[in-house]
Amino acid sequence: MLILKALISAVVIVAVAEIAGRMPRVGALLLTLPIMSLIAFVMTWNKDHDMTVIASLARETLILVPLGLPFFIPFVISNRTGLSFWPSFAIGVLLASLTIGAWFWISSPPPIRPLEIENRQ
């Protein structure tokens, strides 16, 4: 099952990258769709069938997605700053790491729930 999940993820990533290379606007649209989130939610549901896990995943995703948006800033201003891809990428990773790291530093971690053993008959 893990190999299937990895293959699905790889196919989605390669497809979006190929489309973005040919049609940047369509590629951006696909990137804004939470494709990986949708896949992760379905796979998590199929694995656990637990809405508590899904709700926690949704809450953390809702918080972390905006915190990751500073990653894009260096790319957006690269024409004005003269930054090439790798410096823009590195600065973007740094910015996103700072915002996400600050969130983890100031917030309390979600409770870790013990693994539950269910008798399924």
N, C-alpha and C. Protein backbone atom coordinates (compact mmCIF):
# COMPACT_ATOMS: atom_id res chain seq x y z
N MET A 1 0.82 -1.19 0.00
CA MET A 1 0.00 0.00 0.00
C MET A 1 0.87 1.26 0.00
N LEU A 2 1.99 1.22 0.71
CA LEU A 2 2.90 2.36 0.76
C LEU A 2 3.46 2.67 -0.62
N ILE A 3 3.78 1.65 -1.38
CA ILE A 3 4.30 1.84 -2.73
C ILE A 3 3.24 2.48 -3.62
N LEU A 4 1.99 2.05 -3.48
CA LEU A 4 0.89 2.64 -4.25
C LEU A 4 0.74 4.12 -3.92
N LYS A 5 0.81 4.46 -2.64
CA LYS A 5 0.70 5.87 -2.23
C LYS A 5 1.84 6.70 -2.83
N ALA A 6 3.04 6.15 -2.81
CA ALA A 6 4.19 6.86 -3.37
C ALA A 6 4.03 7.03 -4.89
N LEU A 7 3.54 6.02 -5.56
CA LEU A 7 3.35 6.11 -7.01
C LEU A 7 2.29 7.15 -7.37
N ILE A 8 1.19 7.17 -6.63
CA ILE A 8 0.14 8.16 -6.89
C ILE A 8 0.69 9.57 -6.69
N SER A 9 1.42 9.77 -5.61
CA SER A 9 2.01 11.08 -5.34
C SER A 9 2.98 11.48 -6.44
N ALA A 10 3.81 10.55 -6.86
CA ALA A 10 4.79 10.84 -7.91
C ALA A 10 4.11 11.21 -9.22
N VAL A 11 3.07 10.49 -9.58
CA VAL A 11 2.35 10.78 -10.81
C VAL A 11 1.75 12.18 -10.77
N VAL A 12 1.14 12.54 -9.64
CA VAL A 12 0.55 13.87 -9.51
C VAL A 12 1.61 14.95 -9.63
N ILE A 13 2.73 14.79 -8.95
CA ILE A 13 3.81 15.78 -8.98
C ILE A 13 4.36 15.94 -10.38
N VAL A 14 4.64 14.84 -11.06
CA VAL A 14 5.20 14.90 -12.42
C VAL A 14 4.18 15.53 -13.37
N ALA A 15 2.92 15.17 -13.24
CA ALA A 15 1.89 15.73 -14.13
C ALA A 15 1.77 17.24 -13.94
N VAL A 16 1.73 17.70 -12.72
CA VAL A 16 1.63 19.14 -12.47
C VAL A 16 2.88 19.86 -12.99
N ALA A 17 4.05 19.29 -12.79
CA ALA A 17 5.29 19.92 -13.28
C ALA A 17 5.28 20.00 -14.81
N GLU A 18 4.83 18.96 -15.48
CA GLU A 18 4.78 18.97 -16.94
C GLU A 18 3.79 20.00 -17.46
N ILE A 19 2.62 20.03 -16.84
CA ILE A 19 1.60 21.00 -17.25
C ILE A 19 2.07 22.43 -16.98
N ALA A 20 2.68 22.66 -15.82
CA ALA A 20 3.17 23.99 -15.48
C ALA A 20 4.23 24.47 -16.45
N GLY A 21 5.05 23.58 -16.98
CA GLY A 21 6.06 23.95 -17.95
C GLY A 21 5.47 24.42 -19.26
N ARG A 22 4.33 23.87 -19.63
CA ARG A 22 3.69 24.22 -20.89
C ARG A 22 2.69 25.36 -20.73
N MET A 23 1.94 25.31 -19.63
CA MET A 23 0.89 26.31 -19.37
C MET A 23 0.98 26.76 -17.91
N PRO A 24 1.79 27.78 -17.62
CA PRO A 24 2.02 28.18 -16.23
C PRO A 24 0.74 28.51 -15.46
N ARG A 25 -0.24 29.12 -16.11
CA ARG A 25 -1.47 29.47 -15.40
C ARG A 25 -2.24 28.22 -14.99
N VAL A 26 -2.32 27.24 -15.87
CA VAL A 26 -2.99 25.98 -15.52
C VAL A 26 -2.20 25.24 -14.44
N GLY A 27 -0.86 25.27 -14.55
CA GLY A 27 -0.02 24.66 -13.52
C GLY A 27 -0.25 25.31 -12.17
N ALA A 28 -0.35 26.65 -12.16
CA ALA A 28 -0.62 27.36 -10.90
C ALA A 28 -1.99 26.98 -10.35
N LEU A 29 -2.97 26.85 -11.23
CA LEU A 29 -4.30 26.44 -10.79
C LEU A 29 -4.24 25.07 -10.14
N LEU A 30 -3.53 24.15 -10.76
CA LEU A 30 -3.42 22.80 -10.19
C LEU A 30 -2.67 22.83 -8.86
N LEU A 31 -1.68 23.72 -8.74
CA LEU A 31 -0.96 23.83 -7.48
C LEU A 31 -1.83 24.41 -6.38
N THR A 32 -2.77 25.28 -6.75
CA THR A 32 -3.63 25.86 -5.72
C THR A 32 -4.70 24.89 -5.26
N LEU A 33 -5.01 23.93 -6.10
CA LEU A 33 -5.95 22.89 -5.67
C LEU A 33 -5.22 22.00 -4.66
N PRO A 34 -5.88 21.67 -3.61
CA PRO A 34 -5.20 20.84 -2.60
C PRO A 34 -5.16 19.37 -2.99
N ILE A 35 -4.57 19.09 -4.16
CA ILE A 35 -4.57 17.73 -4.69
C ILE A 35 -3.93 16.76 -3.70
N MET A 36 -2.76 17.12 -3.19
CA MET A 36 -2.09 16.23 -2.24
C MET A 36 -2.90 16.10 -0.95
N SER A 37 -3.54 17.20 -0.54
CA SER A 37 -4.38 17.13 0.65
C SER A 37 -5.56 16.18 0.42
N LEU A 38 -6.17 16.29 -0.75
CA LEU A 38 -7.29 15.39 -1.05
C LEU A 38 -6.86 13.94 -1.01
N ILE A 39 -5.73 13.66 -1.63
CA ILE A 39 -5.21 12.29 -1.64
C ILE A 39 -4.89 11.84 -0.22
N ALA A 40 -4.24 12.72 0.56
CA ALA A 40 -3.87 12.37 1.94
C ALA A 40 -5.11 12.12 2.79
N PHE A 41 -6.15 12.94 2.62
CA PHE A 41 -7.37 12.75 3.40
C PHE A 41 -8.02 11.41 3.08
N VAL A 42 -8.11 11.09 1.79
CA VAL A 42 -8.73 9.81 1.40
C VAL A 42 -7.91 8.64 1.92
N MET A 43 -6.60 8.71 1.78
CA MET A 43 -5.74 7.61 2.24
C MET A 43 -5.79 7.48 3.76
N THR A 44 -5.83 8.61 4.46
CA THR A 44 -5.93 8.57 5.93
C THR A 44 -7.28 7.98 6.35
N TRP A 45 -8.34 8.38 5.66
CA TRP A 45 -9.66 7.84 5.99
C TRP A 45 -9.70 6.33 5.72
N ASN A 46 -9.16 5.90 4.60
CA ASN A 46 -9.16 4.48 4.28
C ASN A 46 -8.35 3.67 5.30
N LYS A 47 -7.32 4.30 5.84
CA LYS A 47 -6.47 3.61 6.82
C LYS A 47 -7.12 3.55 8.20
N ASP A 48 -7.64 4.68 8.68
CA ASP A 48 -8.10 4.78 10.06
C ASP A 48 -9.62 4.79 10.25
N HIS A 49 -10.36 5.31 9.29
CA HIS A 49 -11.81 5.51 9.44
C HIS A 49 -12.11 6.25 10.75
N ASP A 50 -11.34 7.31 11.00
CA ASP A 50 -11.47 8.05 12.25
C ASP A 50 -11.58 9.54 11.94
N MET A 51 -12.77 10.12 12.18
CA MET A 51 -12.97 11.54 11.90
C MET A 51 -12.16 12.44 12.82
N THR A 52 -11.77 11.96 13.98
CA THR A 52 -10.92 12.76 14.87
C THR A 52 -9.57 13.01 14.22
N VAL A 53 -9.02 12.00 13.60
CA VAL A 53 -7.74 12.13 12.89
C VAL A 53 -7.91 13.07 11.71
N ILE A 54 -8.98 12.92 10.96
CA ILE A 54 -9.25 13.77 9.80
C ILE A 54 -9.42 15.22 10.24
N ALA A 55 -10.18 15.45 11.30
CA ALA A 55 -10.40 16.82 11.80
C ALA A 55 -9.09 17.46 12.26
N SER A 56 -8.26 16.70 12.92
CA SER A 56 -6.96 17.21 13.36
C SER A 56 -6.07 17.53 12.17
N LEU A 57 -6.04 16.66 11.18
CA LEU A 57 -5.28 16.89 9.96
C LEU A 57 -5.77 18.15 9.25
N ALA A 58 -7.08 18.31 9.16
CA ALA A 58 -7.66 19.49 8.50
C ALA A 58 -7.29 20.78 9.25
N ARG A 59 -7.39 20.75 10.57
CA ARG A 59 -7.06 21.93 11.38
C ARG A 59 -5.60 22.33 11.19
N GLU A 60 -4.70 21.38 11.29
CA GLU A 60 -3.28 21.69 11.15
C GLU A 60 -2.95 22.16 9.73
N THR A 61 -3.59 21.57 8.73
CA THR A 61 -3.37 21.98 7.34
C THR A 61 -3.87 23.40 7.12
N LEU A 62 -5.05 23.71 7.67
CA LEU A 62 -5.62 25.04 7.54
C LEU A 62 -4.71 26.10 8.14
N ILE A 63 -4.04 25.77 9.19
CA ILE A 63 -3.11 26.71 9.83
C ILE A 63 -1.80 26.79 9.06
N LEU A 64 -1.26 25.66 8.65
CA LEU A 64 0.08 25.62 8.07
C LEU A 64 0.16 26.08 6.61
N VAL A 65 -0.91 25.92 5.85
CA VAL A 65 -0.85 26.34 4.44
C VAL A 65 -0.55 27.83 4.31
N PRO A 66 -1.27 28.72 4.99
CA PRO A 66 -0.91 30.15 4.87
C PRO A 66 0.50 30.46 5.38
N LEU A 67 0.94 29.71 6.37
CA LEU A 67 2.28 29.96 6.90
C LEU A 67 3.38 29.56 5.92
N GLY A 68 3.05 28.71 4.97
CA GLY A 68 4.01 28.30 3.96
C GLY A 68 4.05 29.23 2.74
N LEU A 69 3.11 30.15 2.65
CA LEU A 69 3.04 31.03 1.48
C LEU A 69 4.24 31.96 1.31
N PRO A 70 4.95 32.37 2.36
CA PRO A 70 6.15 33.19 2.13
C PRO A 70 7.19 32.52 1.24
N PHE A 71 7.11 31.23 1.05
CA PHE A 71 8.01 30.53 0.13
C PHE A 71 7.99 31.16 -1.27
N PHE A 72 6.83 31.64 -1.69
CA PHE A 72 6.66 32.13 -3.06
C PHE A 72 7.17 33.56 -3.26
N ILE A 73 7.35 34.31 -2.20
CA ILE A 73 7.72 35.72 -2.32
C ILE A 73 9.00 35.94 -3.13
N PRO A 74 10.10 35.23 -2.86
CA PRO A 74 11.30 35.48 -3.66
C PRO A 74 11.12 35.20 -5.15
N PHE A 75 10.28 34.24 -5.49
CA PHE A 75 10.03 33.95 -6.90
C PHE A 75 9.24 35.08 -7.56
N VAL A 76 8.26 35.61 -6.83
CA VAL A 76 7.44 36.68 -7.37
C VAL A 76 8.27 37.93 -7.65
N ILE A 77 9.22 38.23 -6.79
CA ILE A 77 10.01 39.44 -6.96
C ILE A 77 11.36 39.19 -7.65
N SER A 78 11.57 37.99 -8.16
CA SER A 78 12.87 37.64 -8.75
C SER A 78 13.22 38.49 -9.96
N ASN A 79 12.26 38.91 -10.76
CA ASN A 79 12.56 39.75 -11.92
C ASN A 79 13.11 41.10 -11.47
N ARG A 80 12.62 41.61 -10.35
CA ARG A 80 13.10 42.90 -9.85
C ARG A 80 14.41 42.78 -9.09
N THR A 81 14.61 41.65 -8.42
CA THR A 81 15.81 41.48 -7.60
C THR A 81 16.96 40.84 -8.37
N GLY A 82 16.66 40.21 -9.50
CA GLY A 82 17.69 39.55 -10.28
C GLY A 82 18.08 38.18 -9.73
N LEU A 83 17.31 37.68 -8.80
CA LEU A 83 17.60 36.36 -8.24
C LEU A 83 17.28 35.27 -9.25
N SER A 84 18.16 34.28 -9.33
CA SER A 84 17.89 33.12 -10.17
C SER A 84 17.11 32.09 -9.34
N PHE A 85 16.91 30.93 -9.95
CA PHE A 85 16.05 29.92 -9.31
C PHE A 85 16.55 29.48 -7.94
N TRP A 86 17.79 29.00 -7.84
CA TRP A 86 18.25 28.41 -6.58
C TRP A 86 18.33 29.40 -5.43
N PRO A 87 18.82 30.62 -5.65
CA PRO A 87 18.77 31.58 -4.54
C PRO A 87 17.32 31.89 -4.13
N SER A 88 16.42 32.03 -5.11
CA SER A 88 15.01 32.27 -4.78
C SER A 88 14.45 31.10 -3.99
N PHE A 89 14.78 29.90 -4.43
CA PHE A 89 14.31 28.69 -3.75
C PHE A 89 14.82 28.65 -2.31
N ALA A 90 16.11 28.91 -2.13
CA ALA A 90 16.70 28.86 -0.78
C ALA A 90 16.08 29.92 0.13
N ILE A 91 15.91 31.12 -0.38
CA ILE A 91 15.31 32.19 0.44
C ILE A 91 13.85 31.84 0.74
N GLY A 92 13.15 31.28 -0.23
CA GLY A 92 11.75 30.87 -0.01
C GLY A 92 11.64 29.80 1.07
N VAL A 93 12.52 28.82 1.00
CA VAL A 93 12.52 27.77 2.04
C VAL A 93 12.83 28.38 3.40
N LEU A 94 13.77 29.30 3.43
CA LEU A 94 14.11 29.97 4.69
C LEU A 94 12.92 30.75 5.23
N LEU A 95 12.25 31.53 4.38
CA LEU A 95 11.09 32.31 4.83
C LEU A 95 9.97 31.40 5.35
N ALA A 96 9.66 30.36 4.59
CA ALA A 96 8.60 29.44 5.02
C ALA A 96 9.00 28.72 6.30
N SER A 97 10.26 28.36 6.41
CA SER A 97 10.74 27.69 7.63
C SER A 97 10.63 28.61 8.84
N LEU A 98 10.92 29.89 8.63
CA LEU A 98 10.81 30.85 9.74
C LEU A 98 9.36 31.00 10.20
N THR A 99 8.43 31.15 9.25
CA THR A 99 7.04 31.33 9.65
C THR A 99 6.46 30.06 10.28
N ILE A 100 6.76 28.93 9.68
CA ILE A 100 6.25 27.67 10.24
C ILE A 100 6.94 27.36 11.56
N GLY A 101 8.25 27.59 11.61
CA GLY A 101 8.99 27.38 12.86
C GLY A 101 8.47 28.26 13.99
N ALA A 102 8.15 29.52 13.66
CA ALA A 102 7.59 30.42 14.68
C ALA A 102 6.26 29.89 15.20
N TRP A 103 5.44 29.35 14.28
CA TRP A 103 4.16 28.77 14.71
C TRP A 103 4.38 27.60 15.66
N PHE A 104 5.28 26.70 15.31
CA PHE A 104 5.55 25.56 16.18
C PHE A 104 6.12 26.01 17.52
N TRP A 105 6.88 27.08 17.52
CA TRP A 105 7.51 27.57 18.75
C TRP A 105 6.47 28.20 19.68
N ILE A 106 5.51 28.98 19.12
CA ILE A 106 4.56 29.68 19.98
C ILE A 106 3.30 28.88 20.28
N SER A 107 3.03 27.85 19.50
CA SER A 107 1.79 27.09 19.71
C SER A 107 2.08 25.83 20.52
N SER A 108 1.03 25.37 21.16
CA SER A 108 1.18 24.10 21.87
C SER A 108 0.90 22.98 20.89
N PRO A 109 1.64 21.90 21.00
CA PRO A 109 1.43 20.80 20.05
C PRO A 109 0.08 20.14 20.28
N PRO A 110 -0.52 19.63 19.21
CA PRO A 110 -1.78 18.91 19.38
C PRO A 110 -1.54 17.65 20.21
N PRO A 111 -2.53 17.24 20.95
CA PRO A 111 -2.33 16.03 21.76
C PRO A 111 -2.09 14.81 20.88
N ILE A 112 -1.21 13.97 21.34
CA ILE A 112 -0.93 12.72 20.64
C ILE A 112 -1.84 11.66 21.23
N ARG A 113 -2.62 11.07 20.38
CA ARG A 113 -3.56 10.07 20.88
C ARG A 113 -2.92 8.70 20.80
N PRO A 114 -3.17 7.87 21.79
CA PRO A 114 -2.58 6.53 21.76
C PRO A 114 -3.21 5.71 20.64
N LEU A 115 -2.46 4.77 20.15
CA LEU A 115 -3.00 3.86 19.15
C LEU A 115 -4.10 3.05 19.78
N GLU A 116 -5.19 2.97 19.07
CA GLU A 116 -6.32 2.22 19.58
C GLU A 116 -6.39 0.88 18.85
N ILE A 117 -6.62 -0.13 19.61
CA ILE A 117 -6.77 -1.46 19.03
C ILE A 117 -8.25 -1.77 18.99
N GLU A 118 -8.76 -1.95 17.81
CA GLU A 118 -10.19 -2.20 17.65
C GLU A 118 -10.40 -3.66 17.29
N ASN A 119 -11.44 -4.21 17.83
CA ASN A 119 -11.84 -5.57 17.43
C ASN A 119 -12.84 -5.45 16.30
N ARG A 120 -12.38 -5.66 15.11
CA ARG A 120 -13.26 -5.59 13.96
C ARG A 120 -13.69 -7.01 13.60
N GLN A 121 -14.96 -7.15 13.51
CA GLN A 121 -15.49 -8.48 13.23
C GLN A 121 -16.33 -8.46 11.99
